[in-house]
Protein backbone atom coordinates (compact mmCIF):
# COMPACT_ATOMS: atom_id res chain seq x y z
CA MET A 1 32.15 -18.93 -23.00
CA MET A 2 31.74 -22.18 -21.19
CA LYS A 3 32.04 -24.24 -24.36
CA LEU A 4 35.21 -22.43 -24.89
CA ARG A 5 36.62 -23.01 -21.41
CA GLN A 6 35.56 -26.96 -21.67
CA LYS A 7 37.64 -27.10 -24.87
CA ILE A 8 40.77 -25.29 -23.81
CA SER A 9 41.12 -27.28 -20.62
CA GLY A 10 39.22 -30.23 -21.35
CA THR A 11 36.33 -30.48 -18.73
CA PHE A 12 35.96 -28.95 -15.15
CA ARG A 13 36.98 -30.54 -12.37
CA THR A 14 34.20 -29.95 -10.27
CA ALA A 15 30.77 -28.63 -10.73
CA VAL A 16 31.33 -25.99 -7.78
CA GLY A 17 34.30 -24.59 -9.93
CA ALA A 18 32.01 -24.45 -13.03
CA ASP A 19 29.51 -22.35 -11.14
CA VAL A 20 32.38 -20.34 -9.62
CA PHE A 21 33.89 -19.79 -13.25
CA CYS A 22 30.14 -18.95 -14.63
CA SER A 23 30.10 -16.31 -11.39
CA ILE A 24 33.40 -14.83 -12.17
CA ARG A 25 32.35 -14.18 -15.81
CA GLY A 26 29.17 -12.59 -15.50
CA TYR A 27 30.70 -10.51 -12.98
CA ILE A 28 33.27 -9.49 -15.43
CA SER A 29 30.64 -8.99 -18.37
CA THR A 30 28.53 -6.56 -16.37
CA VAL A 31 31.53 -4.41 -15.59
CA ARG A 32 32.20 -4.20 -19.04
CA LYS A 33 28.84 -3.36 -20.12
CA ASN A 34 28.53 -0.85 -17.48
CA GLY A 35 31.68 1.10 -18.85
CA ARG A 36 33.49 0.33 -15.74
CA HIS A 37 37.47 -1.03 -15.91
CA VAL A 38 37.10 -4.72 -15.32
CA LEU A 39 40.43 -4.45 -13.07
CA ASP A 40 39.36 -1.70 -10.68
CA ALA A 41 36.04 -3.46 -10.36
CA ILE A 42 37.71 -6.81 -9.37
CA GLN A 43 40.05 -4.93 -6.82
CA ASP A 44 37.27 -2.86 -5.64
CA ALA A 45 34.99 -6.44 -4.84
CA LEU A 46 37.92 -8.04 -2.75
CA GLY A 47 37.96 -4.91 -1.15
CA GLY A 48 34.45 -5.44 -0.30
CA ASP A 49 32.74 -3.07 -2.32
CA PRO A 50 31.56 -4.57 -5.23
CA PHE A 51 30.09 -2.78 -8.39
CA ILE A 52 25.97 -2.99 -8.62
CA PRO A 53 24.91 -1.78 -11.09
CA SER A 54 22.32 1.03 -10.35
CA GLY A 55 18.86 -1.27 -11.31
CA CYS A 56 19.90 -3.89 -9.68
CA ALA A 57 20.57 -2.73 -5.87
CA GLY A 58 16.85 -3.60 -4.63
CA GLU A 59 17.13 -7.13 -5.90
């Protein structure tokens, strides 16, 4: 996904922007793999209740 993003926009403006992009894409990927609705999970995360898979609660 990172390479696709670079091809579309040319490049990331900052390393922080690339890190944020990867964090968001990772969250979306995890939500999808766990069979949840992406938009609902994003709304929950913005509301302070992010989706955390059951195996990751103690990490």
